[in-house]
Amino acid sequence: AFSLTFKDEQGVAKPVIMGSYGIGPGRVMGTIVELLSDEKGIVWPE
């Protein structure tokens, strides 16, 4: 879509191969509380 290319060793233009990798720190924080709390409150991993 953006014509993001590179020239290979023969000078031929080729498209770049991409990947995407996500983590939500706040979402993880909430998940830790859901998983590791008890009837008294939160139990944080050290």
All heavy atoms as atom14 arrays in JSON, in Angstrom:
{
  "sequence": "AFSLTFKDEQGVAKPVIMGSYGIGPGRVMGTIVELLSDEKGIVWPE",
  "atom14_mask": [
    [1, 1, 1, 1, 1, 0, 0, 0, 0, 0, 0, 0, 0, 0],
    [1, 1, 1, 1, 1, 1, 1, 1, 1, 1, 1, 0, 0, 0],
    [1, 1, 1, 1, 1, 1, 0, 0, 0, 0, 0, 0, 0, 0],
    [1, 1, 1, 1, 1, 1, 1, 1, 0, 0, 0, 0, 0, 0],
    [1, 1, 1, 1, 1, 1, 1, 0, 0, 0, 0, 0, 0, 0],
    [1, 1, 1, 1, 1, 1, 1, 1, 1, 1, 1, 0, 0, 0],
    [1, 1, 1, 1, 1, 1, 1, 1, 1, 0, 0, 0, 0, 0],
    [1, 1, 1, 1, 1, 1, 1, 1, 0, 0, 0, 0, 0, 0],
    [1, 1, 1, 1, 1, 1, 1, 1, 1, 0, 0, 0, 0, 0],
    [1, 1, 1, 1, 1, 1, 1, 1, 1, 0, 0, 0, 0, 0],
    [1, 1, 1, 1, 0, 0, 0, 0, 0, 0, 0, 0, 0, 0],
    [1, 1, 1, 1, 1, 1, 1, 0, 0, 0, 0, 0, 0, 0],
    [1, 1, 1, 1, 1, 0, 0, 0, 0, 0, 0, 0, 0, 0],
    [1, 1, 1, 1, 1, 1, 1, 1, 1, 0, 0, 0, 0, 0],
    [1, 1, 1, 1, 1, 1, 1, 0, 0, 0, 0, 0, 0, 0],
    [1, 1, 1, 1, 1, 1, 1, 0, 0, 0, 0, 0, 0, 0],
    [1, 1, 1, 1, 1, 1, 1, 1, 0, 0, 0, 0, 0, 0],
    [1, 1, 1, 1, 1, 1, 1, 1, 0, 0, 0, 0, 0, 0],
    [1, 1, 1, 1, 0, 0, 0, 0, 0, 0, 0, 0, 0, 0],
    [1, 1, 1, 1, 1, 1, 0, 0, 0, 0, 0, 0, 0, 0],
    [1, 1, 1, 1, 1, 1, 1, 1, 1, 1, 1, 1, 0, 0],
    [1, 1, 1, 1, 0, 0, 0, 0, 0, 0, 0, 0, 0, 0],
    [1, 1, 1, 1, 1, 1, 1, 1, 0, 0, 0, 0, 0, 0],
    [1, 1, 1, 1, 0, 0, 0, 0, 0, 0, 0, 0, 0, 0],
    [1, 1, 1, 1, 1, 1, 1, 0, 0, 0, 0, 0, 0, 0],
    [1, 1, 1, 1, 0, 0, 0, 0, 0, 0, 0, 0, 0, 0],
    [1, 1, 1, 1, 1, 1, 1, 1, 1, 1, 1, 0, 0, 0],
    [1, 1, 1, 1, 1, 1, 1, 0, 0, 0, 0, 0, 0, 0],
    [1, 1, 1, 1, 1, 1, 1, 1, 0, 0, 0, 0, 0, 0],
    [1, 1, 1, 1, 0, 0, 0, 0, 0, 0, 0, 0, 0, 0],
    [1, 1, 1, 1, 1, 1, 1, 0, 0, 0, 0, 0, 0, 0],
    [1, 1, 1, 1, 1, 1, 1, 1, 0, 0, 0, 0, 0, 0],
    [1, 1, 1, 1, 1, 1, 1, 0, 0, 0, 0, 0, 0, 0],
    [1, 1, 1, 1, 1, 1, 1, 1, 1, 0, 0, 0, 0, 0],
    [1, 1, 1, 1, 1, 1, 1, 1, 0, 0, 0, 0, 0, 0],
    [1, 1, 1, 1, 1, 1, 1, 1, 0, 0, 0, 0, 0, 0],
    [1, 1, 1, 1, 1, 1, 0, 0, 0, 0, 0, 0, 0, 0],
    [1, 1, 1, 1, 1, 1, 1, 1, 0, 0, 0, 0, 0, 0],
    [1, 1, 1, 1, 1, 1, 1, 1, 1, 0, 0, 0, 0, 0],
    [1, 1, 1, 1, 1, 1, 1, 1, 1, 0, 0, 0, 0, 0],
    [1, 1, 1, 1, 0, 0, 0, 0, 0, 0, 0, 0, 0, 0],
    [1, 1, 1, 1, 1, 1, 1, 1, 0, 0, 0, 0, 0, 0],
    [1, 1, 1, 1, 1, 1, 1, 0, 0, 0, 0, 0, 0, 0],
    [1, 1, 1, 1, 1, 1, 1, 1, 1, 1, 1, 1, 1, 1],
    [1, 1, 1, 1, 1, 1, 1, 0, 0, 0, 0, 0, 0, 0],
    [1, 1, 1, 1, 1, 1, 1, 1, 1, 0, 0, 0, 0, 0]
  ],
  "atom14_positions": [
    [[0.82, -1.22, 0.0], [0.0, 0.0, 0.0], [0.85, 1.26, 0.0], [0.46, 2.29, -0.56], [-0.93, -0.01, 1.21], [0.0, 0.0, 0.0], [0.0, 0.0, 0.0], [0.0, 0.0, 0.0], [0.0, 0.0, 0.0], [0.0, 0.0, 0.0], [0.0, 0.0, 0.0], [0.0, 0.0, 0.0], [0.0, 0.0, 0.0], [0.0, 0.0, 0.0]],
    [[2.03, 1.19, 0.64], [2.88, 2.38, 0.76], [4.13, 2.3, -0.13], [5.01, 3.15, -0.01], [3.29, 2.57, 2.22], [2.15, 3.01, 3.1], [1.35, 2.08, 3.74], [1.86, 4.36, 3.26], [0.29, 2.47, 4.54], [0.8, 4.76, 4.06], [0.0, 3.81, 4.7], [0.0, 0.0, 0.0], [0.0, 0.0, 0.0], [0.0, 0.0, 0.0]],
    [[4.2, 1.27, -0.98], [5.37, 1.07, -1.84], [6.66, 1.01, -1.03], [7.68, 1.62, -1.38], [5.47, 2.18, -2.91], [4.31, 2.19, -3.73], [0.0, 0.0, 0.0], [0.0, 0.0, 0.0], [0.0, 0.0, 0.0], [0.0, 0.0, 0.0], [0.0, 0.0, 0.0], [0.0, 0.0, 0.0], [0.0, 0.0, 0.0], [0.0, 0.0, 0.0]],
    [[6.58, 0.28, 0.1], [7.76, 0.08, 0.94], [8.56, -1.09, 0.36], [8.2, -2.25, 0.56], [7.37, -0.2, 2.38], [8.52, -0.46, 3.36], [9.42, 0.76, 3.48], [8.0, -0.89, 4.73], [0.0, 0.0, 0.0], [0.0, 0.0, 0.0], [0.0, 0.0, 0.0], [0.0, 0.0, 0.0], [0.0, 0.0, 0.0], [0.0, 0.0, 0.0]],
    [[9.61, -0.78, -0.37], [10.41, -1.81, -1.04], [11.88, -1.65, -0.69], [12.32, -0.62, -0.17], [10.25, -1.71, -2.57], [10.73, -0.44, -3.01], [8.79, -1.88, -2.97], [0.0, 0.0, 0.0], [0.0, 0.0, 0.0], [0.0, 0.0, 0.0], [0.0, 0.0, 0.0], [0.0, 0.0, 0.0], [0.0, 0.0, 0.0], [0.0, 0.0, 0.0]],
    [[12.65, -2.68, -1.02], [14.1, -2.63, -0.91], [14.68, -3.22, -2.19], [14.04, -4.01, -2.88], [14.58, -3.44, 0.3], [14.39, -4.93, 0.15], [15.44, -5.74, -0.3], [13.17, -5.54, 0.43], [15.26, -7.11, -0.46], [12.98, -6.91, 0.27], [14.04, -7.7, -0.17], [0.0, 0.0, 0.0], [0.0, 0.0, 0.0], [0.0, 0.0, 0.0]],
    [[15.9, -2.81, -2.54], [16.59, -3.37, -3.71], [17.45, -4.54, -3.26], [18.25, -4.4, -2.33], [17.42, -2.31, -4.39], [16.61, -1.22, -5.07], [17.51, -0.26, -5.83], [16.68, 0.8, -6.56], [15.99, 1.7, -5.63], [0.0, 0.0, 0.0], [0.0, 0.0, 0.0], [0.0, 0.0, 0.0], [0.0, 0.0, 0.0], [0.0, 0.0, 0.0]],
    [[17.24, -5.7, -3.9], [18.04, -6.87, -3.53], [19.44, -6.76, -4.11], [19.81, -5.72, -4.7], [17.34, -8.16, -3.96], [17.25, -8.32, -5.47], [17.91, -7.56, -6.21], [16.52, -9.23, -5.92], [0.0, 0.0, 0.0], [0.0, 0.0, 0.0], [0.0, 0.0, 0.0], [0.0, 0.0, 0.0], [0.0, 0.0, 0.0], [0.0, 0.0, 0.0]],
    [[20.24, -7.8, -4.0], [21.63, -7.76, -4.43], [21.78, -7.54, -5.93], [22.83, -7.11, -6.41], [22.35, -9.03, -3.99], [22.45, -9.16, -2.48], [23.13, -10.44, -2.05], [23.59, -11.19, -2.92], [23.18, -10.7, -0.84], [0.0, 0.0, 0.0], [0.0, 0.0, 0.0], [0.0, 0.0, 0.0], [0.0, 0.0, 0.0], [0.0, 0.0, 0.0]],
    [[20.74, -7.87, -6.68], [20.75, -7.64, -8.13], [20.13, -6.3, -8.51], [19.99, -5.98, -9.69], [20.0, -8.77, -8.84], [20.76, -10.09, -8.91], [20.82, -10.78, -7.57], [19.81, -10.88, -6.86], [22.0, -11.25, -7.2], [0.0, 0.0, 0.0], [0.0, 0.0, 0.0], [0.0, 0.0, 0.0], [0.0, 0.0, 0.0], [0.0, 0.0, 0.0]],
    [[19.72, -5.52, -7.48], [19.13, -4.22, -7.74], [17.66, -4.25, -8.08], [17.1, -3.26, -8.54], [0.0, 0.0, 0.0], [0.0, 0.0, 0.0], [0.0, 0.0, 0.0], [0.0, 0.0, 0.0], [0.0, 0.0, 0.0], [0.0, 0.0, 0.0], [0.0, 0.0, 0.0], [0.0, 0.0, 0.0], [0.0, 0.0, 0.0], [0.0, 0.0, 0.0]],
    [[17.01, -5.4, -7.86], [15.59, -5.55, -8.15], [14.77, -5.11, -6.94], [15.06, -5.53, -5.8], [15.25, -7.01, -8.52], [13.75, -7.17, -8.75], [16.05, -7.44, -9.74], [0.0, 0.0, 0.0], [0.0, 0.0, 0.0], [0.0, 0.0, 0.0], [0.0, 0.0, 0.0], [0.0, 0.0, 0.0], [0.0, 0.0, 0.0], [0.0, 0.0, 0.0]],
    [[13.76, -4.28, -7.12], [12.92, -3.81, -6.03], [11.96, -4.91, -5.6], [11.26, -5.51, -6.42], [12.13, -2.58, -6.45], [0.0, 0.0, 0.0], [0.0, 0.0, 0.0], [0.0, 0.0, 0.0], [0.0, 0.0, 0.0], [0.0, 0.0, 0.0], [0.0, 0.0, 0.0], [0.0, 0.0, 0.0], [0.0, 0.0, 0.0], [0.0, 0.0, 0.0]],
    [[11.9, -5.15, -4.29], [11.01, -6.17, -3.73], [10.29, -5.61, -2.51], [10.85, -4.77, -1.78], [11.81, -7.42, -3.33], [12.41, -8.16, -4.51], [13.1, -9.44, -4.07], [13.62, -10.22, -5.27], [14.32, -11.45, -4.86], [0.0, 0.0, 0.0], [0.0, 0.0, 0.0], [0.0, 0.0, 0.0], [0.0, 0.0, 0.0], [0.0, 0.0, 0.0]],
    [[9.07, -6.06, -2.24], [8.33, -5.55, -1.08], [8.89, -6.1, 0.23], [9.37, -7.24, 0.29], [6.9, -6.05, -1.32], [7.07, -7.27, -2.16], [8.26, -7.01, -3.03], [0.0, 0.0, 0.0], [0.0, 0.0, 0.0], [0.0, 0.0, 0.0], [0.0, 0.0, 0.0], [0.0, 0.0, 0.0], [0.0, 0.0, 0.0], [0.0, 0.0, 0.0]],
    [[8.84, -5.29, 1.26], [9.29, -5.69, 2.59], [8.22, -6.58, 3.23], [7.02, -6.31, 3.13], [9.55, -4.44, 3.46], [9.9, -4.83, 4.89], [10.65, -3.59, 2.85], [0.0, 0.0, 0.0], [0.0, 0.0, 0.0], [0.0, 0.0, 0.0], [0.0, 0.0, 0.0], [0.0, 0.0, 0.0], [0.0, 0.0, 0.0], [0.0, 0.0, 0.0]],
    [[8.67, -7.65, 3.9], [7.77, -8.55, 4.63], [7.66, -8.04, 6.06], [8.67, -7.83, 6.74], [8.3, -10.0, 4.64], [8.66, -10.46, 3.23], [7.3, -10.92, 5.31], [7.49, -10.54, 2.3], [0.0, 0.0, 0.0], [0.0, 0.0, 0.0], [0.0, 0.0, 0.0], [0.0, 0.0, 0.0], [0.0, 0.0, 0.0], [0.0, 0.0, 0.0]],
    [[6.41, -7.87, 6.55], [6.2, -7.24, 7.87], [5.49, -8.16, 8.85], [4.82, -9.12, 8.47], [5.38, -5.95, 7.69], [6.1, -4.84, 6.97], [5.05, -3.38, 6.68], [4.48, -3.01, 8.35], [0.0, 0.0, 0.0], [0.0, 0.0, 0.0], [0.0, 0.0, 0.0], [0.0, 0.0, 0.0], [0.0, 0.0, 0.0], [0.0, 0.0, 0.0]],
    [[5.66, -7.84, 10.13], [4.94, -8.5, 11.2], [4.57, -7.5, 12.27], [5.17, -6.41, 12.37], [0.0, 0.0, 0.0], [0.0, 0.0, 0.0], [0.0, 0.0, 0.0], [0.0, 0.0, 0.0], [0.0, 0.0, 0.0], [0.0, 0.0, 0.0], [0.0, 0.0, 0.0], [0.0, 0.0, 0.0], [0.0, 0.0, 0.0], [0.0, 0.0, 0.0]],
    [[3.57, -7.83, 13.08], [3.08, -6.94, 14.13], [2.91, -7.74, 15.42], [2.4, -8.86, 15.39], [1.74, -6.32, 13.72], [1.18, -5.55, 14.76], [0.0, 0.0, 0.0], [0.0, 0.0, 0.0], [0.0, 0.0, 0.0], [0.0, 0.0, 0.0], [0.0, 0.0, 0.0], [0.0, 0.0, 0.0], [0.0, 0.0, 0.0], [0.0, 0.0, 0.0]],
    [[3.3, -7.13, 16.58], [3.37, -7.88, 17.83], [2.92, -6.97, 18.98], [3.58, -5.97, 19.27], [4.81, -8.36, 18.07], [5.46, -8.96, 16.83], [5.99, -8.12, 15.83], [5.52, -10.33, 16.64], [6.56, -8.65, 14.69], [6.1, -10.87, 15.5], [6.62, -10.02, 14.52], [7.19, -10.56, 13.38], [0.0, 0.0, 0.0], [0.0, 0.0, 0.0]],
    [[1.8, -7.3, 19.62], [1.22, -6.4, 20.61], [1.04, -7.0, 21.99], [0.74, -8.19, 22.13], [0.0, 0.0, 0.0], [0.0, 0.0, 0.0], [0.0, 0.0, 0.0], [0.0, 0.0, 0.0], [0.0, 0.0, 0.0], [0.0, 0.0, 0.0], [0.0, 0.0, 0.0], [0.0, 0.0, 0.0], [0.0, 0.0, 0.0], [0.0, 0.0, 0.0]],
    [[1.22, -6.17, 23.01], [0.88, -6.51, 24.4], [0.36, -5.23, 25.05], [0.96, -4.15, 24.89], [2.09, -7.0, 25.22], [2.65, -8.32, 24.67], [1.7, -7.2, 26.69], [3.85, -8.84, 25.44], [0.0, 0.0, 0.0], [0.0, 0.0, 0.0], [0.0, 0.0, 0.0], [0.0, 0.0, 0.0], [0.0, 0.0, 0.0], [0.0, 0.0, 0.0]],
    [[-0.73, -5.33, 25.81], [-1.24, -4.2, 26.57], [-0.82, -4.32, 28.03], [-1.34, -5.16, 28.76], [0.0, 0.0, 0.0], [0.0, 0.0, 0.0], [0.0, 0.0, 0.0], [0.0, 0.0, 0.0], [0.0, 0.0, 0.0], [0.0, 0.0, 0.0], [0.0, 0.0, 0.0], [0.0, 0.0, 0.0], [0.0, 0.0, 0.0], [0.0, 0.0, 0.0]],
    [[0.14, -3.5, 28.5], [0.6, -3.61, 29.89], [-0.52, -3.43, 30.92], [-0.55, -4.13, 31.93], [1.63, -2.48, 30.0], [2.12, -2.29, 28.61], [0.93, -2.53, 27.73], [0.0, 0.0, 0.0], [0.0, 0.0, 0.0], [0.0, 0.0, 0.0], [0.0, 0.0, 0.0], [0.0, 0.0, 0.0], [0.0, 0.0, 0.0], [0.0, 0.0, 0.0]],
    [[-1.45, -2.5, 30.68], [-2.56, -2.32, 31.61], [-3.48, -3.52, 31.62], [-3.98, -3.94, 32.67], [0.0, 0.0, 0.0], [0.0, 0.0, 0.0], [0.0, 0.0, 0.0], [0.0, 0.0, 0.0], [0.0, 0.0, 0.0], [0.0, 0.0, 0.0], [0.0, 0.0, 0.0], [0.0, 0.0, 0.0], [0.0, 0.0, 0.0], [0.0, 0.0, 0.0]],
    [[-3.74, -4.07, 30.44], [-4.57, -5.27, 30.34], [-3.93, -6.43, 31.11], [-4.61, -7.17, 31.8], [-4.74, -5.62, 28.86], [-5.7, -6.78, 28.6], [-5.86, -7.0, 27.1], [-6.75, -8.09, 26.8], [-8.07, -7.98, 26.67], [-8.64, -6.8, 26.83], [-8.82, -9.02, 26.38], [0.0, 0.0, 0.0], [0.0, 0.0, 0.0], [0.0, 0.0, 0.0]],
    [[-2.6, -6.56, 30.97], [-1.89, -7.61, 31.7], [-1.99, -7.36, 33.21], [-2.18, -8.3, 33.99], [-0.41, -7.65, 31.25], [0.4, -8.52, 32.19], [-0.31, -8.18, 29.83], [0.0, 0.0, 0.0], [0.0, 0.0, 0.0], [0.0, 0.0, 0.0], [0.0, 0.0, 0.0], [0.0, 0.0, 0.0], [0.0, 0.0, 0.0], [0.0, 0.0, 0.0]],
    [[-1.89, -6.12, 33.62], [-2.0, -5.77, 35.04], [-3.36, -6.22, 35.59], [-3.45, -6.81, 36.67], [-1.8, -4.27, 35.22], [-1.88, -3.76, 36.64], [-1.42, -1.99, 36.7], [-1.95, -1.55, 38.36], [0.0, 0.0, 0.0], [0.0, 0.0, 0.0], [0.0, 0.0, 0.0], [0.0, 0.0, 0.0], [0.0, 0.0, 0.0], [0.0, 0.0, 0.0]],
    [[-4.42, -5.94, 34.83], [-5.75, -6.37, 35.25], [-5.87, -7.88, 35.3], [-6.5, -8.44, 36.21], [0.0, 0.0, 0.0], [0.0, 0.0, 0.0], [0.0, 0.0, 0.0], [0.0, 0.0, 0.0], [0.0, 0.0, 0.0], [0.0, 0.0, 0.0], [0.0, 0.0, 0.0], [0.0, 0.0, 0.0], [0.0, 0.0, 0.0], [0.0, 0.0, 0.0]],
    [[-5.26, -8.56, 34.33], [-5.31, -10.02, 34.29], [-4.59, -10.62, 35.49], [-5.06, -11.61, 36.08], [-4.68, -10.54, 32.98], [-5.38, -9.97, 31.87], [-4.74, -12.05, 32.89], [0.0, 0.0, 0.0], [0.0, 0.0, 0.0], [0.0, 0.0, 0.0], [0.0, 0.0, 0.0], [0.0, 0.0, 0.0], [0.0, 0.0, 0.0], [0.0, 0.0, 0.0]],
    [[-3.45, -10.05, 35.86], [-2.73, -10.52, 37.05], [-3.61, -10.43, 38.28], [-3.68, -11.35, 39.1], [-1.42, -9.71, 37.24], [-0.42, -10.05, 36.15], [-0.82, -9.96, 38.62], [0.8, -9.14, 36.12], [0.0, 0.0, 0.0], [0.0, 0.0, 0.0], [0.0, 0.0, 0.0], [0.0, 0.0, 0.0], [0.0, 0.0, 0.0], [0.0, 0.0, 0.0]],
    [[-4.32, -9.31, 38.43], [-5.21, -9.14, 39.59], [-6.33, -10.17, 39.56], [-6.67, -10.77, 40.59], [-5.77, -7.71, 39.64], [-6.8, -7.57, 40.74], [-4.64, -6.7, 39.83], [0.0, 0.0, 0.0], [0.0, 0.0, 0.0], [0.0, 0.0, 0.0], [0.0, 0.0, 0.0], [0.0, 0.0, 0.0], [0.0, 0.0, 0.0], [0.0, 0.0, 0.0]],
    [[-6.92, -10.39, 38.4], [-8.0, -11.39, 38.28], [-7.51, -12.78, 38.67], [-8.21, -13.53, 39.35], [-8.54, -11.41, 36.85], [-9.29, -10.17, 36.42], [-10.7, -10.09, 36.98], [-11.19, -11.1, 37.51], [-11.31, -9.0, 36.87], [0.0, 0.0, 0.0], [0.0, 0.0, 0.0], [0.0, 0.0, 0.0], [0.0, 0.0, 0.0], [0.0, 0.0, 0.0]],
    [[-6.3, -13.1, 38.24], [-5.78, -14.46, 38.45], [-5.24, -14.68, 39.86], [-5.44, -15.76, 40.44], [-4.64, -14.73, 37.46], [-4.96, -15.4, 36.14], [-3.67, -15.65, 35.35], [-5.67, -16.73, 36.36], [0.0, 0.0, 0.0], [0.0, 0.0, 0.0], [0.0, 0.0, 0.0], [0.0, 0.0, 0.0], [0.0, 0.0, 0.0], [0.0, 0.0, 0.0]],
    [[-4.53, -13.71, 40.4], [-3.73, -13.95, 41.59], [-4.29, -13.34, 42.87], [-3.67, -13.46, 43.92], [-2.3, -13.45, 41.35], [-1.58, -14.05, 40.14], [-0.16, -13.52, 40.03], [-1.56, -15.57, 40.22], [0.0, 0.0, 0.0], [0.0, 0.0, 0.0], [0.0, 0.0, 0.0], [0.0, 0.0, 0.0], [0.0, 0.0, 0.0], [0.0, 0.0, 0.0]],
    [[-5.43, -12.71, 42.82], [-6.03, -12.18, 44.05], [-6.7, -13.29, 44.85], [-6.97, -14.37, 44.33], [-7.04, -11.09, 43.7], [-8.05, -11.62, 42.86], [0.0, 0.0, 0.0], [0.0, 0.0, 0.0], [0.0, 0.0, 0.0], [0.0, 0.0, 0.0], [0.0, 0.0, 0.0], [0.0, 0.0, 0.0], [0.0, 0.0, 0.0], [0.0, 0.0, 0.0]],
    [[-6.96, -13.01, 46.12], [-7.7, -13.95, 46.95], [-8.81, -13.21, 47.67], [-9.11, -12.05, 47.34], [-6.77, -14.7, 47.93], [-6.03, -13.75, 48.89], [-6.47, -12.6, 49.05], [-5.03, -14.18, 49.48], [0.0, 0.0, 0.0], [0.0, 0.0, 0.0], [0.0, 0.0, 0.0], [0.0, 0.0, 0.0], [0.0, 0.0, 0.0], [0.0, 0.0, 0.0]],
    [[-9.42, -13.84, 48.66], [-10.56, -13.22, 49.33], [-10.18, -11.99, 50.14], [-11.03, -11.17, 50.51], [-11.26, -14.24, 50.24], [-10.49, -14.65, 51.48], [-9.4, -15.68, 51.2], [-9.28, -16.13, 50.04], [-8.68, -16.04, 52.16], [0.0, 0.0, 0.0], [0.0, 0.0, 0.0], [0.0, 0.0, 0.0], [0.0, 0.0, 0.0], [0.0, 0.0, 0.0]],
    [[-8.87, -11.8, 50.4], [-8.41, -10.66, 51.19], [-7.99, -9.47, 50.33], [-7.98, -8.33, 50.8], [-7.23, -11.08, 52.07], [-7.56, -12.14, 53.1], [-6.32, -12.53, 53.89], [-6.61, -13.61, 54.9], [-5.38, -14.02, 55.64], [0.0, 0.0, 0.0], [0.0, 0.0, 0.0], [0.0, 0.0, 0.0], [0.0, 0.0, 0.0], [0.0, 0.0, 0.0]],
    [[-7.61, -9.75, 49.08], [-7.16, -8.66, 48.23], [-6.24, -9.14, 47.13], [-6.29, -10.29, 46.7], [0.0, 0.0, 0.0], [0.0, 0.0, 0.0], [0.0, 0.0, 0.0], [0.0, 0.0, 0.0], [0.0, 0.0, 0.0], [0.0, 0.0, 0.0], [0.0, 0.0, 0.0], [0.0, 0.0, 0.0], [0.0, 0.0, 0.0], [0.0, 0.0, 0.0]],
    [[-5.36, -8.25, 46.68], [-4.44, -8.52, 45.57], [-3.24, -9.3, 46.07], [-2.8, -9.12, 47.22], [-4.0, -7.19, 44.93], [-5.22, -6.4, 44.43], [-3.02, -7.42, 43.78], [-4.91, -4.96, 44.05], [0.0, 0.0, 0.0], [0.0, 0.0, 0.0], [0.0, 0.0, 0.0], [0.0, 0.0, 0.0], [0.0, 0.0, 0.0], [0.0, 0.0, 0.0]],
    [[-2.68, -10.14, 45.21], [-1.44, -10.85, 45.51], [-0.48, -10.6, 44.35], [-0.51, -11.31, 43.34], [-1.67, -12.36, 45.69], [-0.35, -13.06, 46.04], [-2.72, -12.64, 46.77], [0.0, 0.0, 0.0], [0.0, 0.0, 0.0], [0.0, 0.0, 0.0], [0.0, 0.0, 0.0], [0.0, 0.0, 0.0], [0.0, 0.0, 0.0], [0.0, 0.0, 0.0]],
    [[0.38, -9.59, 44.47], [1.28, -9.24, 43.37], [2.44, -10.21, 43.29], [3.06, -10.53, 44.3], [1.85, -7.84, 43.55], [0.85, -6.73, 43.42], [0.46, -5.87, 44.41], [0.13, -6.34, 42.24], [-0.47, -4.98, 43.92], [-0.69, -5.25, 42.6], [0.1, -6.81, 40.92], [-1.52, -4.62, 41.68], [-0.74, -6.19, 40.02], [-1.53, -5.11, 40.39]],
    [[2.81, -10.66, 42.07], [4.09, -11.36, 41.91], [5.21, -10.39, 42.25], [5.09, -9.17, 42.02], [4.12, -11.73, 40.43], [2.73, -11.53, 39.92], [2.09, -10.52, 40.8], [0.0, 0.0, 0.0], [0.0, 0.0, 0.0], [0.0, 0.0, 0.0], [0.0, 0.0, 0.0], [0.0, 0.0, 0.0], [0.0, 0.0, 0.0], [0.0, 0.0, 0.0]],
    [[6.3, -10.9, 42.77], [7.39, -10.01, 43.19], [7.94, -9.21, 42.02], [8.39, -8.07, 42.2], [8.5, -10.83, 43.85], [9.51, -9.99, 44.58], [10.24, -10.74, 45.68], [9.72, -11.76, 46.15], [11.33, -10.28, 46.06], [0.0, 0.0, 0.0], [0.0, 0.0, 0.0], [0.0, 0.0, 0.0], [0.0, 0.0, 0.0], [0.0, 0.0, 0.0]]
  ]
}
